Amino acid sequence: MNYLQYYPTDVINGEGTKCTLFVSGCTHACKGCYNQKSWSFSAGVLFDETMEQQIINNLKDTRIKRQGLMLSGGDPLHPRVT
C-alpha cells in the first residue's frame, strides 16, 4: 500500500482530533474529485513499519488527545489498497 500524505494532527477531515492517512489508489474516477492524483495505486510512498510506528506513537502521545485514525484517499477500502 502506498500513501500520499500523513497528518499527525488533523481537525479538518471529520469530527474531533485524529491522525489522517491519505492512501493511494482509486478506480471510481468520480466527477469533480478534488484529489485526482490519488487515483494511481503507485503514487506516493510505500507504507512501511516506520510509518506504522509513527502513527502508533502519535496515537499514544498524551500531549494531544486523538480520537483515532482517519483513512482517506484514494479509496482506503479498495482491495488493492487493503
Protein backbone atom coordinates (compact mmCIF):
# COMPACT_ATOMS: atom_id res chain seq x y z
CA MET A 1 0.00 0.00 0.00
CA ASN A 2 1.20 3.49 -0.84
CA TYR A 3 0.19 6.72 0.81
CA LEU A 4 0.32 10.31 -0.39
CA GLN A 5 0.24 12.26 2.84
CA TYR A 6 0.01 11.87 6.59
CA TYR A 7 -1.35 14.43 9.05
CA PRO A 8 -0.35 13.52 12.62
CA THR A 9 -2.87 16.03 13.98
CA ASP A 10 -5.98 16.72 11.88
CA VAL A 11 -9.10 18.67 12.86
CA ILE A 12 -10.34 19.36 9.31
CA ASN A 13 -11.30 15.90 7.98
CA GLY A 14 -14.13 14.82 10.27
CA GLU A 15 -15.13 15.47 13.86
CA GLY A 16 -12.56 15.67 16.63
CA THR A 17 -8.80 15.44 16.52
CA LYS A 18 -7.25 12.47 14.78
CA CYS A 19 -4.36 11.24 12.65
CA THR A 20 -5.20 11.12 8.93
CA LEU A 21 -3.52 8.93 6.32
CA PHE A 22 -4.27 9.61 2.65
CA VAL A 23 -3.78 6.35 0.72
CA SER A 24 -3.09 5.97 -3.00
CA GLY A 25 -5.36 4.17 -5.41
CA CYS A 26 -8.93 4.64 -6.56
CA THR A 27 -10.90 3.28 -9.51
CA HIS A 28 -14.10 5.31 -9.03
CA ALA A 29 -12.88 8.36 -11.01
CA CYS A 30 -15.64 10.49 -9.51
CA LYS A 31 -16.58 13.57 -11.48
CA GLY A 32 -15.33 16.61 -9.59
CA CYS A 33 -12.83 14.65 -7.49
CA TYR A 34 -10.57 17.15 -5.75
CA ASN A 35 -7.70 14.67 -5.41
CA GLN A 36 -7.20 13.02 -8.82
CA LYS A 37 -3.51 12.44 -8.10
CA SER A 38 -4.66 9.85 -5.55
CA TRP A 39 -6.15 7.62 -8.26
CA SER A 40 -2.85 5.92 -9.15
CA PHE A 41 -2.02 2.95 -6.92
CA SER A 42 1.70 3.62 -7.44
CA ALA A 43 1.58 7.29 -6.39
CA GLY A 44 3.20 8.38 -3.16
CA VAL A 45 5.38 6.47 -0.74
CA LEU A 46 5.28 2.83 0.33
CA PHE A 47 3.60 2.38 3.73
CA ASP A 48 6.25 0.71 5.88
CA GLU A 49 6.93 -0.21 9.51
CA THR A 50 8.44 3.23 10.14
CA MET A 51 5.20 4.98 9.17
CA GLU A 52 3.17 2.40 11.08
CA GLN A 53 5.21 3.09 14.21
CA GLN A 54 4.91 6.85 13.72
CA ILE A 55 1.11 6.56 13.63
CA ILE A 56 1.09 4.35 16.73
CA ASN A 57 3.35 6.79 18.57
CA ASN A 58 1.15 9.74 17.57
CA LEU A 59 -1.97 7.93 18.78
CA LYS A 60 -0.29 7.14 22.12
CA ASP A 61 1.01 10.70 22.60
CA THR A 62 -0.88 12.09 25.60
CA ARG A 63 0.06 15.72 24.87
CA ILE A 64 -2.53 15.82 22.06
CA LYS A 65 -5.61 13.63 22.58
CA ARG A 66 -6.56 12.00 19.28
CA GLN A 67 -9.78 10.05 18.78
CA GLY A 68 -8.29 7.67 16.24
CA LEU A 69 -7.00 7.22 12.72
CA MET A 70 -8.87 8.56 9.66
CA LEU A 71 -8.19 6.75 6.39
CA SER A 72 -8.80 8.83 3.29
CA GLY A 73 -7.57 8.79 -0.24
CA GLY A 74 -7.85 7.47 -2.80
CA ASP A 75 -10.12 4.64 -1.78
CA PRO A 76 -8.83 3.17 1.50
CA LEU A 77 -11.20 0.19 1.21
CA HIS A 78 -10.22 -0.85 -2.32
CA PRO A 79 -8.94 -4.49 -2.33
CA ARG A 80 -5.62 -3.41 -3.87
CA VAL A 81 -5.09 -0.97 -1.00
CA THR A 82 -6.05 -3.24 1.87
